[in-house]
Amino acid sequence: MATPNYGYEKRQRELAKKKKKEDKLKAKAAGRQHTDGDTPDAQEEGSPDAPGGDAPAGGDSAAD
């Protein structure tokens, strides 16, 4: 009886994992493309009256 080729099986598992990961990343990127302009956060980043601007959250930066 022939011995199992574990190296081949491992390679196939690795290729399947890689393909699944790439598909997931593509789906994630496609989802981002559809929502890039729709999110209010993307529009408010450049506005000066956006909450949280450049000031630190604690406001104690002068105390250091």
Foldseek 3Di string as FASTA:
>chain_A
DDDDDVVVVVVVVVVVVVVVVVVVVVVVVVVCVVCVVVDVCNVCLPPPPDPPHPQDPVNCPVVD
